[in-house]
Amino acid sequence: MAIDLFAGVPVTDYGAAAAWYEQLLGAPPAFLPNDTEAVWELAEHRYVFIEVRPEHAGHAMHTVFVDDFDARLAQIAGRGLEPAERETYDNGVRKATFRDPDGNEIGFGGAPV
């Protein structure tokens, strides 16, 4: 069974949010469906998108697990962003949480070292 995933993030300011997500994800949007949305492809058929929806902004919570956790965080730091929080769970899984200008949480998780 094929699965496509679109994870939405409501934002108040399209320009500020688009610039921040481009900085976080290291690439411009994969496509722009209209003038209030931008979509990034994280992996084949797996997307995160921003949409101007001020009444809902600041409430998204998404975590993306990656194989290259340390390298990913280093790349993001190289683009000028640092996580708001870092956690290591009892089972050794690590998580770094970033917050966009509206306070939406985008986390990256990685397997134990």
PDB file of N, CA and C in Angstrom:
ATOM      1  N   MET A   1       0.839  -1.165   0.000  1.00  0.00           N
ATOM      2  CA  MET A   1       0.000   0.000   0.000  1.00  0.00           C
ATOM      3  C   MET A   1       0.894   1.242   0.000  1.00  0.00           C
ATOM      4  N   ALA A   2       0.668   2.136  -0.933  1.00  0.00           N
ATOM      5  CA  ALA A   2       1.404   3.404  -0.994  1.00  0.00           C
ATOM      6  C   ALA A   2       0.810   4.370   0.010  1.00  0.00           C
ATOM      7  N   ILE A   3       1.673   5.121   0.654  1.00  0.00           N
ATOM      8  CA  ILE A   3       1.221   6.108   1.631  1.00  0.00           C
ATOM      9  C   ILE A   3       1.847   7.446   1.308  1.00  0.00           C
ATOM     10  N   ASP A   4       1.014   8.464   1.191  1.00  0.00           N
ATOM     11  CA  ASP A   4       1.469   9.842   1.076  1.00  0.00           C
ATOM     12  C   ASP A   4       1.103  10.532   2.381  1.00  0.00           C
ATOM     13  N   LEU A   5       1.988  11.376   2.882  1.00  0.00           N
ATOM     14  CA  LEU A   5       1.727  12.099   4.121  1.00  0.00           C
ATOM     15  C   LEU A   5       1.938  13.577   3.869  1.00  0.00           C
ATOM     16  N   PHE A   6       0.954  14.384   4.245  1.00  0.00           N
ATOM     17  CA  PHE A   6       1.053  15.833   4.223  1.00  0.00           C
ATOM     18  C   PHE A   6       0.795  16.311   5.645  1.00  0.00           C
ATOM     19  N   ALA A   7       1.844  16.817   6.310  1.00  0.00           N
ATOM     20  CA  ALA A   7       1.732  17.312   7.675  1.00  0.00           C
ATOM     21  C   ALA A   7       1.668  18.837   7.617  1.00  0.00           C
ATOM     22  N   GLY A   8       0.551  19.399   8.064  1.00  0.00           N
ATOM     23  CA  GLY A   8       0.327  20.827   7.961  1.00  0.00           C
ATOM     24  C   GLY A   8       0.765  21.605   9.184  1.00  0.00           C
ATOM     25  N   VAL A   9       1.229  22.822   8.923  1.00  0.00           N
ATOM     26  CA  VAL A   9       1.658  23.734   9.976  1.00  0.00           C
ATOM     27  C   VAL A   9       0.979  25.085   9.726  1.00  0.00           C
ATOM     28  N   PRO A  10       0.036  25.466  10.597  1.00  0.00           N
ATOM     29  CA  PRO A  10      -0.623  26.761  10.424  1.00  0.00           C
ATOM     30  C   PRO A  10       0.286  27.911  10.875  1.00  0.00           C
ATOM     31  N   VAL A  11       0.342  28.971  10.071  1.00  0.00           N
ATOM     32  CA  VAL A  11       1.212  30.110  10.360  1.00  0.00           C
ATOM     33  C   VAL A  11       0.441  31.420  10.207  1.00  0.00           C
ATOM     34  N   THR A  12       1.012  32.484  10.763  1.00  0.00           N
ATOM     35  CA  THR A  12       0.379  33.801  10.632  1.00  0.00           C
ATOM     36  C   THR A  12       0.982  34.617   9.501  1.00  0.00           C
ATOM     37  N   ASP A  13       2.301  34.528   9.310  1.00  0.00           N
ATOM     38  CA  ASP A  13       3.009  35.347   8.328  1.00  0.00           C
ATOM     39  C   ASP A  13       3.680  34.424   7.313  1.00  0.00           C
ATOM     40  N   TYR A  14       3.142  34.395   6.107  1.00  0.00           N
ATOM     41  CA  TYR A  14       3.641  33.486   5.077  1.00  0.00           C
ATOM     42  C   TYR A  14       5.125  33.709   4.793  1.00  0.00           C
ATOM     43  N   GLY A  15       5.536  34.949   4.586  1.00  0.00           N
ATOM     44  CA  GLY A  15       6.915  35.238   4.226  1.00  0.00           C
ATOM     45  C   GLY A  15       7.902  34.824   5.305  1.00  0.00           C
ATOM     46  N   ALA A  16       7.602  35.177   6.553  1.00  0.00           N
ATOM     47  CA  ALA A  16       8.494  34.827   7.661  1.00  0.00           C
ATOM     48  C   ALA A  16       8.559  33.322   7.841  1.00  0.00           C
ATOM     49  N   ALA A  17       7.414  32.658   7.753  1.00  0.00           N
ATOM     50  CA  ALA A  17       7.380  31.204   7.933  1.00  0.00           C
ATOM     51  C   ALA A  17       8.102  30.490   6.794  1.00  0.00           C
ATOM     52  N   ALA A  18       7.860  30.912   5.566  1.00  0.00           N
ATOM     53  CA  ALA A  18       8.517  30.265   4.421  1.00  0.00           C
ATOM     54  C   ALA A  18      10.030  30.398   4.529  1.00  0.00           C
ATOM     55  N   ALA A  19      10.513  31.565   4.919  1.00  0.00           N
ATOM     56  CA  ALA A  19      11.959  31.768   5.068  1.00  0.00           C
ATOM     57  C   ALA A  19      12.515  30.884   6.180  1.00  0.00           C
ATOM     58  N   TRP A  20      11.794  30.778   7.301  1.00  0.00           N
ATOM     59  CA  TRP A  20      12.262  29.971   8.427  1.00  0.00           C
ATOM     60  C   TRP A  20      12.304  28.489   8.053  1.00  0.00           C
ATOM     61  N   TYR A  21      11.262  27.980   7.396  1.00  0.00           N
ATOM     62  CA  TYR A  21      11.249  26.560   7.020  1.00  0.00           C
ATOM     63  C   TYR A  21      12.291  26.259   5.957  1.00  0.00           C
ATOM     64  N   GLU A  22      12.553  27.196   5.072  1.00  0.00           N
ATOM     65  CA  GLU A  22      13.629  26.991   4.106  1.00  0.00           C
ATOM     66  C   GLU A  22      14.970  26.902   4.828  1.00  0.00           C
ATOM     67  N   GLN A  23      15.152  27.726   5.849  1.00  0.00           N
ATOM     68  CA  GLN A  23      16.379  27.674   6.646  1.00  0.00           C
ATOM     69  C   GLN A  23      16.463  26.358   7.412  1.00  0.00           C
ATOM     70  N   LEU A  24      15.363  25.931   8.014  1.00  0.00           N
ATOM     71  CA  LEU A  24      15.350  24.673   8.770  1.00  0.00           C
ATOM     72  C   LEU A  24      15.603  23.474   7.863  1.00  0.00           C
ATOM     73  N   LEU A  25      14.916  23.428   6.742  1.00  0.00           N
ATOM     74  CA  LEU A  25      14.951  22.248   5.883  1.00  0.00           C
ATOM     75  C   LEU A  25      16.034  22.297   4.815  1.00  0.00           C
ATOM     76  N   GLY A  26      16.663  23.459   4.634  1.00  0.00           N
ATOM     77  CA  GLY A  26      17.813  23.553   3.740  1.00  0.00           C
ATOM     78  C   GLY A  26      17.496  23.569   2.264  1.00  0.00           C
ATOM     79  N   ALA A  27      16.248  23.898   1.922  1.00  0.00           N
ATOM     80  CA  ALA A  27      15.864  23.926   0.513  1.00  0.00           C
ATOM     81  C   ALA A  27      14.608  24.778   0.359  1.00  0.00           C
ATOM     82  N   PRO A  28      14.409  25.329  -0.823  1.00  0.00           N
ATOM     83  CA  PRO A  28      13.155  26.037  -1.068  1.00  0.00           C
ATOM     84  C   PRO A  28      12.006  25.038  -1.142  1.00  0.00           C
ATOM     85  N   PRO A  29      10.780  25.507  -1.085  1.00  0.00           N
ATOM     86  CA  PRO A  29       9.642  24.592  -1.186  1.00  0.00           C
ATOM     87  C   PRO A  29       9.693  23.775  -2.482  1.00  0.00           C
ATOM     88  N   ALA A  30       9.182  22.552  -2.400  1.00  0.00           N
ATOM     89  CA  ALA A  30       9.091  21.692  -3.586  1.00  0.00           C
ATOM     90  C   ALA A  30       8.039  22.224  -4.551  1.00  0.00           C
ATOM     91  N   PHE A  31       6.977  22.783  -3.974  1.00  0.00           N
ATOM     92  CA  PHE A  31       5.964  23.420  -4.811  1.00  0.00           C
ATOM     93  C   PHE A  31       5.116  24.367  -3.984  1.00  0.00           C
ATOM     94  N   LEU A  32       4.451  25.283  -4.693  1.00  0.00           N
ATOM     95  CA  LEU A  32       3.598  26.303  -4.091  1.00  0.00           C
ATOM     96  C   LEU A  32       2.192  26.144  -4.667  1.00  0.00           C
ATOM     97  N   PRO A  33       1.286  25.478  -3.943  1.00  0.00           N
ATOM     98  CA  PRO A  33      -0.037  25.227  -4.500  1.00  0.00           C
ATOM     99  C   PRO A  33      -0.870  26.489  -4.712  1.00  0.00           C
ATOM    100  N   ASN A  34      -0.610  27.522  -3.918  1.00  0.00           N
ATOM    101  CA  ASN A  34      -1.333  28.793  -4.034  1.00  0.00           C
ATOM    102  C   ASN A  34      -0.535  29.850  -3.275  1.00  0.00           C
ATOM    103  N   ASP A  35      -1.103  31.034  -3.101  1.00  0.00           N
ATOM    104  CA  ASP A  35      -0.340  32.114  -2.470  1.00  0.00           C
ATOM    105  C   ASP A  35      -0.364  32.096  -0.941  1.00  0.00           C
ATOM    106  N   THR A  36      -0.970  31.070  -0.333  1.00  0.00           N
ATOM    107  CA  THR A  36      -0.989  30.972   1.136  1.00  0.00           C
ATOM    108  C   THR A  36      -0.381  29.666   1.648  1.00  0.00           C
ATOM    109  N   GLU A  37       0.176  28.849   0.742  1.00  0.00           N
ATOM    110  CA  GLU A  37       0.767  27.563   1.139  1.00  0.00           C
ATOM    111  C   GLU A  37       2.118  27.361   0.450  1.00  0.00           C
ATOM    112  N   ALA A  38       3.006  26.650   1.159  1.00  0.00           N
ATOM    113  CA  ALA A  38       4.284  26.209   0.596  1.00  0.00           C
ATOM    114  C   ALA A  38       4.513  24.792   1.096  1.00  0.00           C
ATOM    115  N   VAL A  39       5.041  23.930   0.228  1.00  0.00           N
ATOM    116  CA  VAL A  39       5.178  22.508   0.531  1.00  0.00           C
ATOM    117  C   VAL A  39       6.621  22.052   0.326  1.00  0.00           C
ATOM    118  N   TRP A  40       7.164  21.366   1.334  1.00  0.00           N
ATOM    119  CA  TRP A  40       8.501  20.767   1.246  1.00  0.00           C
ATOM    120  C   TRP A  40       8.363  19.249   1.260  1.00  0.00           C
ATOM    121  N   GLU A  41       9.093  18.573   0.380  1.00  0.00           N
ATOM    122  CA  GLU A  41       9.101  17.117   0.372  1.00  0.00           C
ATOM    123  C   GLU A  41      10.283  16.651   1.217  1.00  0.00           C
ATOM    124  N   LEU A  42       9.981  15.957   2.321  1.00  0.00           N
ATOM    125  CA  LEU A  42      11.021  15.460   3.223  1.00  0.00           C
ATOM    126  C   LEU A  42      11.605  14.149   2.737  1.00  0.00           C
ATOM    127  N   ALA A  43      10.776  13.323   2.152  1.00  0.00           N
ATOM    128  CA  ALA A  43      11.148  12.035   1.567  1.00  0.00           C
ATOM    129  C   ALA A  43      10.057  11.723   0.551  1.00  0.00           C
ATOM    130  N   GLU A  44      10.275  10.715  -0.238  1.00  0.00           N
ATOM    131  CA  GLU A  44       9.291  10.409  -1.269  1.00  0.00           C
ATOM    132  C   GLU A  44       7.892  10.245  -0.669  1.00  0.00           C
ATOM    133  N   HIS A  45       6.978  11.058  -1.159  1.00  0.00           N
ATOM    134  CA  HIS A  45       5.567  11.020  -0.749  1.00  0.00           C
ATOM    135  C   HIS A  45       5.338  11.440   0.705  1.00  0.00           C
ATOM    136  N   ARG A  46       6.283  12.163   1.283  1.00  0.00           N
ATOM    137  CA  ARG A  46       6.148  12.630   2.667  1.00  0.00           C
ATOM    138  C   ARG A  46       6.496  14.111   2.707  1.00  0.00           C
ATOM    139  N   TYR A  47       5.485  14.910   3.028  1.00  0.00           N
ATOM    140  CA  TYR A  47       5.598  16.353   2.910  1.00  0.00           C
ATOM    141  C   TYR A  47       5.242  17.055   4.208  1.00  0.00           C
ATOM    142  N   VAL A  48       5.817  18.246   4.382  1.00  0.00           N
ATOM    143  CA  VAL A  48       5.371  19.167   5.416  1.00  0.00           C
ATOM    144  C   VAL A  48       4.991  20.448   4.677  1.00  0.00           C
ATOM    145  N   PHE A  49       3.902  21.057   5.096  1.00  0.00           N
ATOM    146  CA  PHE A  49       3.490  22.286   4.424  1.00  0.00           C
ATOM    147  C   PHE A  49       3.075  23.335   5.442  1.00  0.00           C
ATOM    148  N   ILE A  50       3.298  24.584   5.057  1.00  0.00           N
ATOM    149  CA  ILE A  50       2.793  25.702   5.848  1.00  0.00           C
ATOM    150  C   ILE A  50       1.561  26.247   5.144  1.00  0.00           C
ATOM    151  N   GLU A  51       0.640  26.759   5.930  1.00  0.00           N
ATOM    152  CA  GLU A  51      -0.554  27.390   5.379  1.00  0.00           C
ATOM    153  C   GLU A  51      -0.935  28.549   6.289  1.00  0.00           C
ATOM    154  N   VAL A  52      -1.232  29.674   5.686  1.00  0.00           N
ATOM    155  CA  VAL A  52      -1.654  30.827   6.469  1.00  0.00           C
ATOM    156  C   VAL A  52      -3.036  30.532   7.053  1.00  0.00           C
ATOM    157  N   ARG A  53      -3.045  30.338   8.363  1.00  0.00           N
ATOM    158  CA  ARG A  53      -4.275  30.084   9.133  1.00  0.00           C
ATOM    159  C   ARG A  53      -4.031  30.667  10.531  1.00  0.00           C
ATOM    160  N   PRO A  54      -4.043  31.991  10.639  1.00  0.00           N
ATOM    161  CA  PRO A  54      -3.667  32.664  11.883  1.00  0.00           C
ATOM    162  C   PRO A  54      -4.420  32.167  13.118  1.00  0.00           C
ATOM    163  N   GLU A  55      -5.659  31.783  12.942  1.00  0.00           N
ATOM    164  CA  GLU A  55      -6.462  31.342  14.091  1.00  0.00           C
ATOM    165  C   GLU A  55      -5.980  30.019  14.679  1.00  0.00           C
ATOM    166  N   HIS A  56      -5.136  29.288  13.948  1.00  0.00           N
ATOM    167  CA  HIS A  56      -4.630  28.003  14.422  1.00  0.00           C
ATOM    168  C   HIS A  56      -3.107  28.004  14.628  1.00  0.00           C
ATOM    169  N   ALA A  57      -2.442  29.092  14.270  1.00  0.00           N
ATOM    170  CA  ALA A  57      -0.977  29.141  14.309  1.00  0.00           C
ATOM    171  C   ALA A  57      -0.444  28.901  15.712  1.00  0.00           C
ATOM    172  N   GLY A  58       0.687  28.210  15.761  1.00  0.00           N
ATOM    173  CA  GLY A  58       1.381  27.976  17.020  1.00  0.00           C
ATOM    174  C   GLY A  58       1.031  26.690  17.726  1.00  0.00           C
ATOM    175  N   HIS A  59       0.191  25.863  17.120  1.00  0.00           N
ATOM    176  CA  HIS A  59      -0.260  24.646  17.801  1.00  0.00           C
ATOM    177  C   HIS A  59       0.228  23.348  17.166  1.00  0.00           C
ATOM    178  N   ALA A  60       0.997  23.419  16.079  1.00  0.00           N
ATOM    179  CA  ALA A  60       1.474  22.193  15.418  1.00  0.00           C
ATOM    180  C   ALA A  60       2.604  21.562  16.224  1.00  0.00           C
ATOM    181  N   MET A  61       2.641  20.239  16.194  1.00  0.00           N
ATOM    182  CA  MET A  61       3.690  19.469  16.853  1.00  0.00           C
ATOM    183  C   MET A  61       4.000  18.272  15.962  1.00  0.00           C
ATOM    184  N   HIS A  62       5.126  18.324  15.262  1.00  0.00           N
ATOM    185  CA  HIS A  62       5.529  17.241  14.371  1.00  0.00           C
ATOM    186  C   HIS A  62       6.943  16.804  14.706  1.00  0.00           C
ATOM    187  N   THR A  63       7.201  15.511  14.617  1.00  0.00           N
ATOM    188  CA  THR A  63       8.554  14.978  14.802  1.00  0.00           C
ATOM    189  C   THR A  63       8.886  14.095  13.610  1.00  0.00           C
ATOM    190  N   VAL A  64      10.071  14.315  13.070  1.00  0.00           N
ATOM    191  CA  VAL A  64      10.564  13.551  11.933  1.00  0.00           C
ATOM    192  C   VAL A  64      11.772  12.753  12.414  1.00  0.00           C
ATOM    193  N   PHE A  65      11.726  11.425  12.269  1.00  0.00           N
ATOM    194  CA  PHE A  65      12.876  10.603  12.649  1.00  0.00           C
ATOM    195  C   PHE A  65      13.813  10.480  11.455  1.00  0.00           C
ATOM    196  N   VAL A  66      15.107  10.687  11.721  1.00  0.00           N
ATOM    197  CA  VAL A  66      16.115  10.672  10.662  1.00  0.00           C
ATOM    198  C   VAL A  66      17.261   9.741  11.051  1.00  0.00           C
ATOM    199  N   ASP A  67      17.900   9.151  10.052  1.00  0.00           N
ATOM    200  CA  ASP A  67      19.050   8.284  10.287  1.00  0.00           C
ATOM    201  C   ASP A  67      20.310   9.082  10.624  1.00  0.00           C
ATOM    202  N   ASP A  68      20.361  10.307  10.134  1.00  0.00           N
ATOM    203  CA  ASP A  68      21.559  11.138  10.260  1.00  0.00           C
ATOM    204  C   ASP A  68      21.356  12.258  11.276  1.00  0.00           C
ATOM    205  N   PHE A  69      20.881  11.920  12.458  1.00  0.00           N
ATOM    206  CA  PHE A  69      20.494  12.903  13.473  1.00  0.00           C
ATOM    207  C   PHE A  69      21.578  13.951  13.722  1.00  0.00           C
ATOM    208  N   ASP A  70      22.783  13.523  14.071  1.00  0.00           N
ATOM    209  CA  ASP A  70      23.849  14.474  14.395  1.00  0.00           C
ATOM    210  C   ASP A  70      24.222  15.332  13.188  1.00  0.00           C
ATOM    211  N   ALA A  71      24.334  14.719  12.031  1.00  0.00           N
ATOM    212  CA  ALA A  71      24.659  15.466  10.816  1.00  0.00           C
ATOM    213  C   ALA A  71      23.546  16.450  10.483  1.00  0.00           C
ATOM    214  N   ARG A  72      22.316  16.031  10.646  1.00  0.00           N
ATOM    215  CA  ARG A  72      21.170  16.908  10.357  1.00  0.00           C
ATOM    216  C   ARG A  72      21.196  18.136  11.253  1.00  0.00           C
ATOM    217  N   LEU A  73      21.419  17.930  12.552  1.00  0.00           N
ATOM    218  CA  LEU A  73      21.468  19.071  13.477  1.00  0.00           C
ATOM    219  C   LEU A  73      22.643  19.993  13.148  1.00  0.00           C
ATOM    220  N   ALA A  74      23.760  19.417  12.753  1.00  0.00           N
ATOM    221  CA  ALA A  74      24.919  20.234  12.374  1.00  0.00           C
ATOM    222  C   ALA A  74      24.610  21.057  11.124  1.00  0.00           C
ATOM    223  N   GLN A  75      23.932  20.465  10.156  1.00  0.00           N
ATOM    224  CA  GLN A  75      23.557  21.199   8.943  1.00  0.00           C
ATOM    225  C   GLN A  75      22.613  22.348   9.271  1.00  0.00           C
ATOM    226  N   ILE A  76      21.636  22.082  10.124  1.00  0.00           N
ATOM    227  CA  ILE A  76      20.682  23.123  10.512  1.00  0.00           C
ATOM    228  C   ILE A  76      21.405  24.238  11.263  1.00  0.00           C
ATOM    229  N   ALA A  77      22.309  23.877  12.162  1.00  0.00           N
ATOM    230  CA  ALA A  77      23.098  24.883  12.898  1.00  0.00           C
ATOM    231  C   ALA A  77      23.914  25.723  11.926  1.00  0.00           C
ATOM    232  N   GLY A  78      24.441  25.090  10.894  1.00  0.00           N
ATOM    233  CA  GLY A  78      25.201  25.807   9.881  1.00  0.00           C
ATOM    234  C   GLY A  78      24.368  26.829   9.127  1.00  0.00           C
ATOM    235  N   ARG A  79      23.053  26.646   9.139  1.00  0.00           N
ATOM    236  CA  ARG A  79      22.144  27.592   8.505  1.00  0.00           C
ATOM    237  C   ARG A  79      21.595  28.596   9.523  1.00  0.00           C
ATOM    238  N   GLY A  80      22.111  28.543  10.761  1.00  0.00           N
ATOM    239  CA  GLY A  80      21.776  29.567  11.740  1.00  0.00           C
ATOM    240  C   GLY A  80      20.663  29.265  12.717  1.00  0.00           C
ATOM    241  N   LEU A  81      20.192  28.021  12.773  1.00  0.00           N
ATOM    242  CA  LEU A  81      19.130  27.677  13.723  1.00  0.00           C
ATOM    243  C   LEU A  81      19.640  26.676  14.752  1.00  0.00           C
ATOM    244  N   GLU A  82      19.238  26.873  15.980  1.00  0.00           N
ATOM    245  CA  GLU A  82      19.553  25.939  17.063  1.00  0.00           C
ATOM    246  C   GLU A  82      18.246  25.446  17.669  1.00  0.00           C
ATOM    247  N   PRO A  83      18.218  24.211  18.165  1.00  0.00           N
ATOM    248  CA  PRO A  83      16.987  23.701  18.769  1.00  0.00           C
ATOM    249  C   PRO A  83      16.641  24.457  20.048  1.00  0.00           C
ATOM    250  N   ALA A  84      15.349  24.601  20.279  1.00  0.00           N
ATOM    251  CA  ALA A  84      14.869  25.212  21.519  1.00  0.00           C
ATOM    252  C   ALA A  84      15.025  24.235  22.676  1.00  0.00           C
ATOM    253  N   GLU A  85      14.933  22.947  22.371  1.00  0.00           N
ATOM    254  CA  GLU A  85      15.062  21.894  23.388  1.00  0.00           C
ATOM    255  C   GLU A  85      15.792  20.697  22.796  1.00  0.00           C
ATOM    256  N   ARG A  86      16.513  19.996  23.662  1.00  0.00           N
ATOM    257  CA  ARG A  86      17.130  18.710  23.316  1.00  0.00           C
ATOM    258  C   ARG A  86      16.759  17.738  24.427  1.00  0.00           C
ATOM    259  N   GLU A  87      16.392  16.534  24.033  1.00  0.00           N
ATOM    260  CA  GLU A  87      16.013  15.518  25.011  1.00  0.00           C
ATOM    261  C   GLU A  87      16.656  14.189  24.645  1.00  0.00           C
ATOM    262  N   THR A  88      16.916  13.380  25.658  1.00  0.00           N
ATOM    263  CA  THR A  88      17.305  11.994  25.460  1.00  0.00           C
ATOM    264  C   THR A  88      16.389  11.174  26.353  1.00  0.00           C
ATOM    265  N   TYR A  89      15.630  10.290  25.743  1.00  0.00           N
ATOM    266  CA  TYR A  89      14.677   9.472  26.488  1.00  0.00           C
ATOM    267  C   TYR A  89      15.375   8.297  27.158  1.00  0.00           C
ATOM    268  N   ASP A  90      14.692   7.656  28.085  1.00  0.00           N
ATOM    269  CA  ASP A  90      15.257   6.533  28.828  1.00  0.00           C
ATOM    270  C   ASP A  90      15.790   5.426  27.921  1.00  0.00           C
ATOM    271  N   ASN A  91      15.176   5.251  26.758  1.00  0.00           N
ATOM    272  CA  ASN A  91      15.621   4.209  25.828  1.00  0.00           C
ATOM    273  C   ASN A  91      16.761   4.671  24.923  1.00  0.00           C
ATOM    274  N   GLY A  92      17.251   5.905  25.139  1.00  0.00           N
ATOM    275  CA  GLY A  92      18.369   6.424  24.370  1.00  0.00           C
ATOM    276  C   GLY A  92      18.000   7.216  23.129  1.00  0.00           C
ATOM    277  N   VAL A  93      16.741   7.204  22.745  1.00  0.00           N
ATOM    278  CA  VAL A  93      16.308   7.974  21.582  1.00  0.00           C
ATOM    279  C   VAL A  93      16.489   9.462  21.883  1.00  0.00           C
ATOM    280  N   ARG A  94      17.018  10.175  20.911  1.00  0.00           N
ATOM    281  CA  ARG A  94      17.272  11.602  21.071  1.00  0.00           C
ATOM    282  C   ARG A  94      16.280  12.417  20.249  1.00  0.00           C
ATOM    283  N   LYS A  95      15.987  13.625  20.747  1.00  0.00           N
ATOM    284  CA  LYS A  95      15.070  14.513  20.038  1.00  0.00           C
ATOM    285  C   LYS A  95      15.544  15.948  20.204  1.00  0.00           C
ATOM    286  N   ALA A  96      15.499  16.691  19.098  1.00  0.00           N
ATOM    287  CA  ALA A  96      15.783  18.118  19.101  1.00  0.00           C
ATOM    288  C   ALA A  96      14.544  18.825  18.574  1.00  0.00           C
ATOM    289  N   THR A  97      14.042  19.778  19.329  1.00  0.00           N
ATOM    290  CA  THR A  97      12.825  20.490  18.955  1.00  0.00           C
ATOM    291  C   THR A  97      13.153  21.923  18.570  1.00  0.00           C
ATOM    292  N   PHE A  98      12.677  22.316  17.402  1.00  0.00           N
ATOM    293  CA  PHE A  98      12.807  23.684  16.906  1.00  0.00           C
ATOM    294  C   PHE A  98      11.433  24.328  16.958  1.00  0.00           C
ATOM    295  N   ARG A  99      11.387  25.644  17.153  1.00  0.00           N
ATOM    296  CA  ARG A  99      10.119  26.372  17.157  1.00  0.00           C
ATOM    297  C   ARG A  99      10.173  27.461  16.087  1.00  0.00           C
ATOM    298  N   ASP A 100       9.156  27.453  15.239  1.00  0.00           N
ATOM    299  CA  ASP A 100       9.087  28.462  14.185  1.00  0.00           C
ATOM    300  C   ASP A 100       8.640  29.802  14.786  1.00  0.00           C
ATOM    301  N   PRO A 101       8.545  30.861  13.978  1.00  0.00           N
ATOM    302  CA  PRO A 101       8.176  32.175  14.514  1.00  0.00           C
ATOM    303  C   PRO A 101       6.819  32.214  15.233  1.00  0.00           C
ATOM    304  N   ASP A 102       5.925  31.274  14.930  1.00  0.00           N
ATOM    305  CA  ASP A 102       4.617  31.214  15.594  1.00  0.00           C
ATOM    306  C   ASP A 102       4.616  30.312  16.818  1.00  0.00           C
ATOM    307  N   GLY A 103       5.693  29.585  17.060  1.00  0.00           N
ATOM    308  CA  GLY A 103       5.759  28.659  18.177  1.00  0.00           C
ATOM    309  C   GLY A 103       5.423  27.221  17.839  1.00  0.00           C
ATOM    310  N   ASN A 104       5.138  26.943  16.549  1.00  0.00           N
ATOM    311  CA  ASN A 104       4.926  25.559  16.122  1.00  0.00           C
ATOM    312  C   ASN A 104       6.195  24.756  16.377  1.00  0.00           C
ATOM    313  N   GLU A 105       6.043  23.501  16.802  1.00  0.00           N
ATOM    314  CA  GLU A 105       7.192  22.657  17.119  1.00  0.00           C
ATOM    315  C   GLU A 105       7.465  21.669  15.985  1.00  0.00           C
ATOM    316  N   ILE A 106       8.711  21.705  15.521  1.00  0.00           N
ATOM    317  CA  ILE A 106       9.188  20.735  14.541  1.00  0.00           C
ATOM    318  C   ILE A 106      10.367  20.038  15.174  1.00  0.00           C
ATOM    319  N   GLY A 107      10.232  18.748  15.445  1.00  0.00           N
ATOM    320  CA  GLY A 107      11.280  17.995  16.088  1.00  0.00           C
ATOM    321  C   GLY A 107      11.956  17.043  15.133  1.00  0.00           C
ATOM    322  N   PHE A 108      13.217  16.767  15.420  1.00  0.00           N
ATOM    323  CA  PHE A 108      13.958  15.725  14.721  1.00  0.00           C
ATOM    324  C   PHE A 108      14.362  14.712  15.753  1.00  0.00           C
ATOM    325  N   GLY A 109      14.088  13.444  15.480  1.00  0.00           N
ATOM    326  CA  GLY A 109      14.437  12.377  16.390  1.00  0.00           C
ATOM    327  C   GLY A 109      15.483  11.472  15.771  1.00  0.00           C
ATOM    328  N   GLY A 110      16.262  10.852  16.646  1.00  0.00           N
ATOM    329  CA  GLY A 110      17.294   9.948  16.167  1.00  0.00           C
ATOM    330  C   GLY A 110      17.497   8.799  17.110  1.00  0.00           C
ATOM    331  N   ALA A 111      17.942   7.688  16.567  1.00  0.00           N
ATOM    332  CA  ALA A 111      18.195   6.489  17.351  1.00  0.00           C
ATOM    333  C   ALA A 111      19.341   6.732  18.338  1.00  0.00           C
ATOM    334  N   PRO A 112      19.426   5.913  19.349  1.00  0.00           N
ATOM    335  CA  PRO A 112      20.529   6.035  20.318  1.00  0.00           C
ATOM    336  C   PRO A 112      21.881   5.939  19.629  1.00  0.00           C
ATOM    337  N   VAL A 113      22.850   6.564  20.233  1.00  0.00           N
ATOM    338  CA  VAL A 113      24.211   6.563  19.688  1.00  0.00           C
ATOM    339  C   VAL A 113      24.826   5.189  19.883  1.00  0.00           C
TER     340      VAL A 113
END
